[in-house]
Amino acid sequence: MTPAIYRKRAFWLLVGAGICLAWGWRYLPLLFDPPALIASFDALGPWKVPVFLAVHILATVFGVPGTVLVLIGGACLGSGGDHFGL
C-alpha cells in the first residue's frame, strides 16, 4: 500500500518542478550573458524560433525580466528581411 503523499497532486507538481529546475539550472547564467545567449540561439538553426518562444514564456512565468530577451530576440531573429520579421 502506498503512502497518501504519493497520491497527492501537489507532491507530483513539486517533483516535476524540481526536476525541471535541476535540468535548467545550468542554463540560468545564459539569461544574464547576452553574447552567449545569442550564440546558443544561433546554434539551434531552424529550432531557434520555437525555443525562443518557450524560453520567453518560461521567463515570463518565473518573473525573469523580459527586456534582455526581447533585445536578444531582435538580434537573433532579425526585424525584417526574413520570414520571421514583421
Protein backbone atom coordinates (compact mmCIF):
# COMPACT_ATOMS: atom_id res chain seq x y z
CA MET A 1 0.00 0.00 0.00
CA THR A 2 1.43 3.40 -1.00
CA PRO A 3 1.56 6.32 1.40
CA ALA A 4 -1.02 9.05 0.91
CA ILE A 5 1.63 11.63 0.00
CA TYR A 6 2.34 9.93 -3.33
CA ARG A 7 -1.30 10.19 -4.35
CA LYS A 8 -1.49 13.97 -3.95
CA ARG A 9 -1.28 16.19 -7.00
CA ALA A 10 0.77 18.86 -5.20
CA PHE A 11 3.51 16.34 -4.46
CA TRP A 12 3.89 15.38 -8.10
CA LEU A 13 3.80 19.02 -9.20
CA LEU A 14 6.66 19.76 -6.80
CA VAL A 15 8.60 16.74 -8.04
CA GLY A 16 8.12 17.86 -11.65
CA ALA A 17 9.13 21.43 -10.84
CA GLY A 18 12.22 20.17 -9.01
CA ILE A 19 13.27 18.06 -11.99
CA CYS A 20 12.77 21.00 -14.38
CA LEU A 21 14.76 23.33 -12.13
CA ALA A 22 17.56 20.80 -11.73
CA TRP A 23 17.79 20.34 -15.50
CA GLY A 24 17.56 24.06 -16.32
CA TRP A 25 19.84 25.32 -13.54
CA ARG A 26 22.92 25.08 -15.75
CA TYR A 27 21.30 27.35 -18.37
CA LEU A 28 20.34 30.10 -15.93
CA PRO A 29 23.57 32.14 -16.43
CA LEU A 30 22.75 32.39 -20.15
CA LEU A 31 19.91 34.77 -19.31
CA PHE A 32 22.41 37.28 -17.98
CA ASP A 33 25.08 36.87 -20.68
CA PRO A 34 23.60 38.20 -23.95
CA PRO A 35 26.50 37.24 -26.29
CA ALA A 36 26.43 33.65 -25.03
CA LEU A 37 22.64 33.55 -25.38
CA ILE A 38 22.81 34.85 -28.96
CA ALA A 39 25.45 32.24 -29.83
CA SER A 40 23.39 29.44 -28.30
CA PHE A 41 20.25 30.51 -30.20
CA ASP A 42 22.16 30.76 -33.48
CA ALA A 43 23.44 27.21 -32.95
CA LEU A 44 19.84 25.89 -32.88
CA GLY A 45 19.25 26.54 -36.58
CA PRO A 46 15.58 26.27 -37.56
CA TRP A 47 14.57 25.47 -33.97
CA LYS A 48 15.59 28.87 -32.64
CA VAL A 49 12.13 30.46 -33.03
CA PRO A 50 10.20 27.78 -31.08
CA VAL A 51 12.95 27.61 -28.45
CA PHE A 52 12.99 31.40 -28.13
CA LEU A 53 9.22 31.45 -27.63
CA ALA A 54 9.42 28.70 -25.00
CA VAL A 55 12.24 30.49 -23.14
CA HIS A 56 10.36 33.78 -23.27
CA ILE A 57 7.18 32.17 -21.92
CA LEU A 58 9.06 30.41 -19.11
CA ALA A 59 10.93 33.60 -18.22
CA THR A 60 7.64 35.46 -18.00
CA VAL A 61 6.06 32.78 -15.83
CA PHE A 62 9.01 32.71 -13.44
CA GLY A 63 9.31 36.50 -13.23
CA VAL A 64 12.59 36.99 -15.11
CA PRO A 65 12.65 40.46 -16.73
CA GLY A 66 11.97 40.15 -20.43
CA THR A 67 13.86 43.21 -21.66
CA VAL A 68 17.07 41.30 -22.27
CA LEU A 69 15.17 38.52 -24.04
CA VAL A 70 13.36 41.00 -26.29
CA LEU A 71 16.65 42.62 -27.31
CA ILE A 72 18.28 39.26 -27.92
CA GLY A 73 15.25 38.11 -29.90
CA GLY A 74 15.65 41.11 -32.18
CA ALA A 75 19.36 40.42 -32.59
CA CYS A 76 18.90 36.70 -33.25
CA LEU A 77 15.70 36.61 -35.26
CA GLY A 78 16.00 39.95 -37.02
CA SER A 79 13.41 42.64 -37.51
CA GLY A 80 12.83 42.29 -41.23
CA GLY A 81 14.10 40.78 -44.44
CA ASP A 82 13.31 37.20 -43.47
CA HIS A 83 10.06 35.37 -42.89
CA PHE A 84 10.28 35.81 -39.10
CA GLY A 85 10.29 39.62 -39.22
CA LEU A 86 7.08 41.59 -39.03
